[in-house]
Amino acid sequence: MSKKTGEAATNKAQDLVRAQLADAKTEAFVDDGMLFLTATIEHDGEKLVASHAYTLDSMRPEELDAAARDVADRVLQQLQGRDR
């Protein structure tokens, strides 16, 4: 995987979360065949954190794109479920 391809996937995952939760602090990276995403928000003075990973079968751009969407969706579901 090129560094540029991995960065595109991690940036996309973070952008998808921040599009729904603008104040979220995010971190994403690809390591050992997995895409990791963590997001942190503050709600009513409480720090909420969600972290998910996706096991990659390949490093093809289309799989990295799907992985970015998957981890972002799961992180958002977890944080938005708590934020009610």
PDB file of N, CA and C in Angstrom:
ATOM      1  N   MET A   1       0.860  -1.182   0.000  1.00  0.00           N
ATOM      2  CA  MET A   1       0.000   0.000   0.000  1.00  0.00           C
ATOM      3  C   MET A   1       0.892   1.225   0.000  1.00  0.00           C
ATOM      4  N   SER A   2       0.535   2.166  -0.802  1.00  0.00           N
ATOM      5  CA  SER A   2       1.288   3.410  -0.798  1.00  0.00           C
ATOM      6  C   SER A   2       0.838   4.259   0.390  1.00  0.00           C
ATOM      7  N   LYS A   3       1.734   5.096   0.831  1.00  0.00           N
ATOM      8  CA  LYS A   3       1.401   5.993   1.939  1.00  0.00           C
ATOM      9  C   LYS A   3       0.213   6.874   1.570  1.00  0.00           C
ATOM     10  N   LYS A   4       0.183   7.316   0.312  1.00  0.00           N
ATOM     11  CA  LYS A   4      -0.891   8.187  -0.159  1.00  0.00           C
ATOM     12  C   LYS A   4      -2.254   7.477  -0.091  1.00  0.00           C
ATOM     13  N   THR A   5      -2.311   6.192  -0.477  1.00  0.00           N
ATOM     14  CA  THR A   5      -3.560   5.430  -0.440  1.00  0.00           C
ATOM     15  C   THR A   5      -4.061   5.276   0.993  1.00  0.00           C
ATOM     16  N   GLY A   6      -3.154   4.946   1.904  1.00  0.00           N
ATOM     17  CA  GLY A   6      -3.535   4.812   3.315  1.00  0.00           C
ATOM     18  C   GLY A   6      -4.008   6.121   3.901  1.00  0.00           C
ATOM     19  N   GLU A   7      -3.336   7.202   3.558  1.00  0.00           N
ATOM     20  CA  GLU A   7      -3.736   8.519   4.060  1.00  0.00           C
ATOM     21  C   GLU A   7      -5.112   8.910   3.538  1.00  0.00           C
ATOM     22  N   ALA A   8      -5.390   8.584   2.297  1.00  0.00           N
ATOM     23  CA  ALA A   8      -6.706   8.907   1.731  1.00  0.00           C
ATOM     24  C   ALA A   8      -7.809   8.191   2.511  1.00  0.00           C
ATOM     25  N   ALA A   9      -7.582   6.927   2.856  1.00  0.00           N
ATOM     26  CA  ALA A   9      -8.584   6.158   3.596  1.00  0.00           C
ATOM     27  C   ALA A   9      -8.758   6.685   5.017  1.00  0.00           C
ATOM     28  N   THR A  10      -7.660   6.991   5.690  1.00  0.00           N
ATOM     29  CA  THR A  10      -7.780   7.486   7.062  1.00  0.00           C
ATOM     30  C   THR A  10      -8.405   8.872   7.080  1.00  0.00           C
ATOM     31  N   ASN A  11      -8.040   9.705   6.111  1.00  0.00           N
ATOM     32  CA  ASN A  11      -8.653  11.034   6.028  1.00  0.00           C
ATOM     33  C   ASN A  11     -10.143  10.933   5.769  1.00  0.00           C
ATOM     34  N   LYS A  12     -10.537  10.022   4.880  1.00  0.00           N
ATOM     35  CA  LYS A  12     -11.960   9.858   4.566  1.00  0.00           C
ATOM     36  C   LYS A  12     -12.739   9.423   5.807  1.00  0.00           C
ATOM     37  N   ALA A  13     -12.220   8.454   6.549  1.00  0.00           N
ATOM     38  CA  ALA A  13     -12.901   7.982   7.757  1.00  0.00           C
ATOM     39  C   ALA A  13     -13.109   9.134   8.738  1.00  0.00           C
ATOM     40  N   GLN A  14     -12.068   9.926   8.943  1.00  0.00           N
ATOM     41  CA  GLN A  14     -12.165  11.056   9.870  1.00  0.00           C
ATOM     42  C   GLN A  14     -13.136  12.118   9.352  1.00  0.00           C
ATOM     43  N   ASP A  15     -13.089  12.394   8.065  1.00  0.00           N
ATOM     44  CA  ASP A  15     -13.984  13.394   7.482  1.00  0.00           C
ATOM     45  C   ASP A  15     -15.452  12.975   7.614  1.00  0.00           C
ATOM     46  N   LEU A  16     -15.730  11.684   7.424  1.00  0.00           N
ATOM     47  CA  LEU A  16     -17.105  11.196   7.550  1.00  0.00           C
ATOM     48  C   LEU A  16     -17.641  11.398   8.969  1.00  0.00           C
ATOM     49  N   VAL A  17     -16.800  11.160   9.966  1.00  0.00           N
ATOM     50  CA  VAL A  17     -17.219  11.370  11.361  1.00  0.00           C
ATOM     51  C   VAL A  17     -17.428  12.856  11.624  1.00  0.00           C
ATOM     52  N   ARG A  18     -16.467  13.676  11.216  1.00  0.00           N
ATOM     53  CA  ARG A  18     -16.563  15.120  11.495  1.00  0.00           C
ATOM     54  C   ARG A  18     -17.695  15.790  10.715  1.00  0.00           C
ATOM     55  N   ALA A  19     -18.141  15.177   9.626  1.00  0.00           N
ATOM     56  CA  ALA A  19     -19.286  15.727   8.889  1.00  0.00           C
ATOM     57  C   ALA A  19     -20.562  15.628   9.724  1.00  0.00           C
ATOM     58  N   GLN A  20     -20.643  14.639  10.600  1.00  0.00           N
ATOM     59  CA  GLN A  20     -21.811  14.452  11.470  1.00  0.00           C
ATOM     60  C   GLN A  20     -21.593  15.040  12.867  1.00  0.00           C
ATOM     61  N   LEU A  21     -20.356  14.978  13.337  1.00  0.00           N
ATOM     62  CA  LEU A  21     -20.010  15.463  14.681  1.00  0.00           C
ATOM     63  C   LEU A  21     -18.830  16.422  14.535  1.00  0.00           C
ATOM     64  N   ALA A  22     -19.140  17.659  14.224  1.00  0.00           N
ATOM     65  CA  ALA A  22     -18.116  18.645  13.857  1.00  0.00           C
ATOM     66  C   ALA A  22     -17.037  18.834  14.926  1.00  0.00           C
ATOM     67  N   ASP A  23     -17.382  18.682  16.186  1.00  0.00           N
ATOM     68  CA  ASP A  23     -16.418  18.903  17.261  1.00  0.00           C
ATOM     69  C   ASP A  23     -15.631  17.646  17.635  1.00  0.00           C
ATOM     70  N   ALA A  24     -15.853  16.557  16.930  1.00  0.00           N
ATOM     71  CA  ALA A  24     -15.160  15.305  17.258  1.00  0.00           C
ATOM     72  C   ALA A  24     -13.662  15.437  17.012  1.00  0.00           C
ATOM     73  N   LYS A  25     -12.906  14.894  17.938  1.00  0.00           N
ATOM     74  CA  LYS A  25     -11.467  14.759  17.751  1.00  0.00           C
ATOM     75  C   LYS A  25     -11.264  13.335  17.241  1.00  0.00           C
ATOM     76  N   THR A  26     -10.567  13.200  16.128  1.00  0.00           N
ATOM     77  CA  THR A  26     -10.436  11.885  15.505  1.00  0.00           C
ATOM     78  C   THR A  26      -8.981  11.510  15.273  1.00  0.00           C
ATOM     79  N   GLU A  27      -8.765  10.213  15.218  1.00  0.00           N
ATOM     80  CA  GLU A  27      -7.460   9.666  14.858  1.00  0.00           C
ATOM     81  C   GLU A  27      -7.717   8.392  14.070  1.00  0.00           C
ATOM     82  N   ALA A  28      -7.024   8.233  12.968  1.00  0.00           N
ATOM     83  CA  ALA A  28      -7.162   7.027  12.155  1.00  0.00           C
ATOM     84  C   ALA A  28      -5.800   6.651  11.598  1.00  0.00           C
ATOM     85  N   PHE A  29      -5.600   5.343  11.443  1.00  0.00           N
ATOM     86  CA  PHE A  29      -4.349   4.865  10.858  1.00  0.00           C
ATOM     87  C   PHE A  29      -4.542   3.453  10.336  1.00  0.00           C
ATOM     88  N   VAL A  30      -3.657   3.058   9.439  1.00  0.00           N
ATOM     89  CA  VAL A  30      -3.623   1.701   8.913  1.00  0.00           C
ATOM     90  C   VAL A  30      -2.357   1.048   9.452  1.00  0.00           C
ATOM     91  N   ASP A  31      -2.531  -0.149  10.044  1.00  0.00           N
ATOM     92  CA  ASP A  31      -1.386  -0.870  10.585  1.00  0.00           C
ATOM     93  C   ASP A  31      -1.688  -2.361  10.575  1.00  0.00           C
ATOM     94  N   ASP A  32      -0.728  -3.143  10.178  1.00  0.00           N
ATOM     95  CA  ASP A  32      -0.823  -4.601  10.236  1.00  0.00           C
ATOM     96  C   ASP A  32      -2.100  -5.136   9.584  1.00  0.00           C
ATOM     97  N   GLY A  33      -2.448  -4.562   8.441  1.00  0.00           N
ATOM     98  CA  GLY A  33      -3.606  -5.038   7.702  1.00  0.00           C
ATOM     99  C   GLY A  33      -4.950  -4.629   8.262  1.00  0.00           C
ATOM    100  N   MET A  34      -4.967  -3.595   9.086  1.00  0.00           N
ATOM    101  CA  MET A  34      -6.226  -3.124   9.672  1.00  0.00           C
ATOM    102  C   MET A  34      -6.297  -1.602   9.601  1.00  0.00           C
ATOM    103  N   LEU A  35      -7.526  -1.097   9.424  1.00  0.00           N
ATOM    104  CA  LEU A  35      -7.793   0.338   9.479  1.00  0.00           C
ATOM    105  C   LEU A  35      -8.443   0.615  10.828  1.00  0.00           C
ATOM    106  N   PHE A  36      -7.866   1.512  11.594  1.00  0.00           N
ATOM    107  CA  PHE A  36      -8.351   1.871  12.921  1.00  0.00           C
ATOM    108  C   PHE A  36      -8.888   3.297  12.912  1.00  0.00           C
ATOM    109  N   LEU A  37      -9.979   3.531  13.639  1.00  0.00           N
ATOM    110  CA  LEU A  37     -10.552   4.873  13.788  1.00  0.00           C
ATOM    111  C   LEU A  37     -11.021   5.053  15.222  1.00  0.00           C
ATOM    112  N   THR A  38     -10.628   6.171  15.816  1.00  0.00           N
ATOM    113  CA  THR A  38     -11.083   6.548  17.149  1.00  0.00           C
ATOM    114  C   THR A  38     -11.610   7.979  17.076  1.00  0.00           C
ATOM    115  N   ALA A  39     -12.742   8.213  17.729  1.00  0.00           N
ATOM    116  CA  ALA A  39     -13.309   9.563  17.809  1.00  0.00           C
ATOM    117  C   ALA A  39     -13.703   9.845  19.243  1.00  0.00           C
ATOM    118  N   THR A  40     -13.495  11.082  19.650  1.00  0.00           N
ATOM    119  CA  THR A  40     -13.818  11.521  21.006  1.00  0.00           C
ATOM    120  C   THR A  40     -14.683  12.773  20.909  1.00  0.00           C
ATOM    121  N   ILE A  41     -15.756  12.786  21.712  1.00  0.00           N
ATOM    122  CA  ILE A  41     -16.605  13.976  21.810  1.00  0.00           C
ATOM    123  C   ILE A  41     -16.861  14.267  23.282  1.00  0.00           C
ATOM    124  N   GLU A  42     -17.299  15.485  23.548  1.00  0.00           N
ATOM    125  CA  GLU A  42     -17.733  15.888  24.880  1.00  0.00           C
ATOM    126  C   GLU A  42     -19.247  16.027  24.858  1.00  0.00           C
ATOM    127  N   HIS A  43     -19.912  15.478  25.860  1.00  0.00           N
ATOM    128  CA  HIS A  43     -21.362  15.598  25.960  1.00  0.00           C
ATOM    129  C   HIS A  43     -21.735  15.747  27.430  1.00  0.00           C
ATOM    130  N   ASP A  44     -22.380  16.864  27.769  1.00  0.00           N
ATOM    131  CA  ASP A  44     -22.771  17.140  29.151  1.00  0.00           C
ATOM    132  C   ASP A  44     -21.599  16.977  30.113  1.00  0.00           C
ATOM    133  N   GLY A  45     -20.434  17.471  29.699  1.00  0.00           N
ATOM    134  CA  GLY A  45     -19.252  17.422  30.543  1.00  0.00           C
ATOM    135  C   GLY A  45     -18.578  16.063  30.606  1.00  0.00           C
ATOM    136  N   GLU A  46     -19.088  15.100  29.866  1.00  0.00           N
ATOM    137  CA  GLU A  46     -18.526  13.752  29.866  1.00  0.00           C
ATOM    138  C   GLU A  46     -17.793  13.505  28.552  1.00  0.00           C
ATOM    139  N   LYS A  47     -16.645  12.889  28.636  1.00  0.00           N
ATOM    140  CA  LYS A  47     -15.864  12.536  27.457  1.00  0.00           C
ATOM    141  C   LYS A  47     -16.338  11.171  26.960  1.00  0.00           C
ATOM    142  N   LEU A  48     -16.790  11.111  25.705  1.00  0.00           N
ATOM    143  CA  LEU A  48     -17.246   9.866  25.098  1.00  0.00           C
ATOM    144  C   LEU A  48     -16.268   9.464  24.000  1.00  0.00           C
ATOM    145  N   VAL A  49     -15.883   8.203  23.996  1.00  0.00           N
ATOM    146  CA  VAL A  49     -14.908   7.707  23.027  1.00  0.00           C
ATOM    147  C   VAL A  49     -15.460   6.462  22.343  1.00  0.00           C
ATOM    148  N   ALA A  50     -15.291   6.397  21.036  1.00  0.00           N
ATOM    149  CA  ALA A  50     -15.632   5.203  20.270  1.00  0.00           C
ATOM    150  C   ALA A  50     -14.436   4.861  19.398  1.00  0.00           C
ATOM    151  N   SER A  51     -14.123   3.580  19.346  1.00  0.00           N
ATOM    152  CA  SER A  51     -12.984   3.126  18.561  1.00  0.00           C
ATOM    153  C   SER A  51     -13.358   1.820  17.868  1.00  0.00           C
ATOM    154  N   HIS A  52     -13.102   1.759  16.567  1.00  0.00           N
ATOM    155  CA  HIS A  52     -13.416   0.560  15.793  1.00  0.00           C
ATOM    156  C   HIS A  52     -12.309   0.292  14.790  1.00  0.00           C
ATOM    157  N   ALA A  53     -12.252  -0.959  14.320  1.00  0.00           N
ATOM    158  CA  ALA A  53     -11.250  -1.361  13.343  1.00  0.00           C
ATOM    159  C   ALA A  53     -11.895  -2.228  12.269  1.00  0.00           C
ATOM    160  N   TYR A  54     -11.228  -2.301  11.149  1.00  0.00           N
ATOM    161  CA  TYR A  54     -11.685  -3.088  10.000  1.00  0.00           C
ATOM    162  C   TYR A  54     -10.501  -3.900   9.513  1.00  0.00           C
ATOM    163  N   THR A  55     -10.665  -5.211   9.407  1.00  0.00           N
ATOM    164  CA  THR A  55      -9.613  -6.068   8.891  1.00  0.00           C
ATOM    165  C   THR A  55      -9.644  -6.025   7.366  1.00  0.00           C
ATOM    166  N   LEU A  56      -8.544  -5.647   6.787  1.00  0.00           N
ATOM    167  CA  LEU A  56      -8.446  -5.501   5.332  1.00  0.00           C
ATOM    168  C   LEU A  56      -8.007  -6.820   4.689  1.00  0.00           C
ATOM    169  N   ASP A  57      -8.709  -7.211   3.634  1.00  0.00           N
ATOM    170  CA  ASP A  57      -8.299  -8.378   2.853  1.00  0.00           C
ATOM    171  C   ASP A  57      -7.274  -7.988   1.801  1.00  0.00           C
ATOM    172  N   SER A  58      -7.293  -6.724   1.440  1.00  0.00           N
ATOM    173  CA  SER A  58      -6.332  -6.220   0.461  1.00  0.00           C
ATOM    174  C   SER A  58      -6.136  -4.730   0.730  1.00  0.00           C
ATOM    175  N   MET A  59      -5.238  -4.146  -0.011  1.00  0.00           N
ATOM    176  CA  MET A  59      -4.984  -2.715   0.116  1.00  0.00           C
ATOM    177  C   MET A  59      -5.470  -1.974  -1.130  1.00  0.00           C
ATOM    178  N   ARG A  60      -6.409  -2.577  -1.852  1.00  0.00           N
ATOM    179  CA  ARG A  60      -6.979  -1.922  -3.026  1.00  0.00           C
ATOM    180  C   ARG A  60      -7.738  -0.677  -2.579  1.00  0.00           C
ATOM    181  N   PRO A  61      -7.672   0.385  -3.365  1.00  0.00           N
ATOM    182  CA  PRO A  61      -8.368   1.627  -2.985  1.00  0.00           C
ATOM    183  C   PRO A  61      -9.859   1.423  -2.697  1.00  0.00           C
ATOM    184  N   GLU A  62     -10.538   0.564  -3.476  1.00  0.00           N
ATOM    185  CA  GLU A  62     -11.969   0.366  -3.236  1.00  0.00           C
ATOM    186  C   GLU A  62     -12.238  -0.326  -1.902  1.00  0.00           C
ATOM    187  N   GLU A  63     -11.338  -1.209  -1.467  1.00  0.00           N
ATOM    188  CA  GLU A  63     -11.529  -1.823  -0.160  1.00  0.00           C
ATOM    189  C   GLU A  63     -11.229  -0.835   0.956  1.00  0.00           C
ATOM    190  N   LEU A  64     -10.205  -0.027   0.783  1.00  0.00           N
ATOM    191  CA  LEU A  64      -9.902   0.986   1.788  1.00  0.00           C
ATOM    192  C   LEU A  64     -11.050   1.984   1.912  1.00  0.00           C
ATOM    193  N   ASP A  65     -11.676   2.308   0.793  1.00  0.00           N
ATOM    194  CA  ASP A  65     -12.837   3.200   0.815  1.00  0.00           C
ATOM    195  C   ASP A  65     -13.984   2.560   1.605  1.00  0.00           C
ATOM    196  N   ALA A  66     -14.257   1.296   1.350  1.00  0.00           N
ATOM    197  CA  ALA A  66     -15.316   0.589   2.082  1.00  0.00           C
ATOM    198  C   ALA A  66     -14.982   0.501   3.569  1.00  0.00           C
ATOM    199  N   ALA A  67     -13.721   0.266   3.875  1.00  0.00           N
ATOM    200  CA  ALA A  67     -13.295   0.191   5.274  1.00  0.00           C
ATOM    201  C   ALA A  67     -13.493   1.526   5.975  1.00  0.00           C
ATOM    202  N   ALA A  68     -13.155   2.619   5.301  1.00  0.00           N
ATOM    203  CA  ALA A  68     -13.323   3.954   5.888  1.00  0.00           C
ATOM    204  C   ALA A  68     -14.785   4.217   6.209  1.00  0.00           C
ATOM    205  N   ARG A  69     -15.664   3.863   5.282  1.00  0.00           N
ATOM    206  CA  ARG A  69     -17.105   4.057   5.507  1.00  0.00           C
ATOM    207  C   ARG A  69     -17.604   3.176   6.660  1.00  0.00           C
ATOM    208  N   ASP A  70     -17.130   1.930   6.695  1.00  0.00           N
ATOM    209  CA  ASP A  70     -17.578   0.997   7.730  1.00  0.00           C
ATOM    210  C   ASP A  70     -17.193   1.476   9.127  1.00  0.00           C
ATOM    211  N   VAL A  71     -15.924   1.801   9.328  1.00  0.00           N
ATOM    212  CA  VAL A  71     -15.509   2.215  10.678  1.00  0.00           C
ATOM    213  C   VAL A  71     -16.152   3.540  11.065  1.00  0.00           C
ATOM    214  N   ALA A  72     -16.300   4.450  10.104  1.00  0.00           N
ATOM    215  CA  ALA A  72     -16.951   5.729  10.408  1.00  0.00           C
ATOM    216  C   ALA A  72     -18.406   5.514  10.805  1.00  0.00           C
ATOM    217  N   ASP A  73     -19.114   4.656  10.082  1.00  0.00           N
ATOM    218  CA  ASP A  73     -20.513   4.364  10.420  1.00  0.00           C
ATOM    219  C   ASP A  73     -20.635   3.780  11.822  1.00  0.00           C
ATOM    220  N   ARG A  74     -19.758   2.831  12.150  1.00  0.00           N
ATOM    221  CA  ARG A  74     -19.844   2.203  13.478  1.00  0.00           C
ATOM    222  C   ARG A  74     -19.485   3.170  14.601  1.00  0.00           C
ATOM    223  N   VAL A  75     -18.483   4.008  14.378  1.00  0.00           N
ATOM    224  CA  VAL A  75     -18.115   5.017  15.377  1.00  0.00           C
ATOM    225  C   VAL A  75     -19.276   5.997  15.572  1.00  0.00           C
ATOM    226  N   LEU A  76     -19.859   6.449  14.482  1.00  0.00           N
ATOM    227  CA  LEU A  76     -20.995   7.383  14.581  1.00  0.00           C
ATOM    228  C   LEU A  76     -22.188   6.754  15.292  1.00  0.00           C
ATOM    229  N   GLN A  77     -22.510   5.525  14.959  1.00  0.00           N
ATOM    230  CA  GLN A  77     -23.631   4.851  15.628  1.00  0.00           C
ATOM    231  C   GLN A  77     -23.390   4.780  17.138  1.00  0.00           C
ATOM    232  N   GLN A  78     -22.182   4.449  17.514  1.00  0.00           N
ATOM    233  CA  GLN A  78     -21.869   4.331  18.931  1.00  0.00           C
ATOM    234  C   GLN A  78     -21.955   5.688  19.628  1.00  0.00           C
ATOM    235  N   LEU A  79     -21.356   6.708  19.060  1.00  0.00           N
ATOM    236  CA  LEU A  79     -21.362   8.024  19.710  1.00  0.00           C
ATOM    237  C   LEU A  79     -22.734   8.680  19.668  1.00  0.00           C
ATOM    238  N   GLN A  80     -23.432   8.565  18.575  1.00  0.00           N
ATOM    239  CA  GLN A  80     -24.756   9.185  18.483  1.00  0.00           C
ATOM    240  C   GLN A  80     -25.769   8.432  19.321  1.00  0.00           C
ATOM    241  N   GLY A  81     -25.579   7.167  19.528  1.00  0.00           N
ATOM    242  CA  GLY A  81     -26.445   6.388  20.415  1.00  0.00           C
ATOM    243  C   GLY A  81     -26.296   6.820  21.869  1.00  0.00           C
ATOM    244  N   ARG A  82     -25.086   7.204  22.239  1.00  0.00           N
ATOM    245  CA  ARG A  82     -24.826   7.675  23.603  1.00  0.00           C
ATOM    246  C   ARG A  82     -25.231   9.127  23.787  1.00  0.00           C
ATOM    247  N   ASP A  83     -25.243   9.860  22.676  1.00  0.00           N
ATOM    248  CA  ASP A  83     -25.436  11.312  22.719  1.00  0.00           C
ATOM    249  C   ASP A  83     -26.921  11.668  22.567  1.00  0.00           C
ATOM    250  N   ARG A  84     -27.775  11.036  23.373  1.00  0.00           N
ATOM    251  CA  ARG A  84     -29.217  11.308  23.295  1.00  0.00           C
ATOM    252  C   ARG A  84     -29.780  11.522  24.654  1.00  0.00           C
TER     253      ARG A  84
END
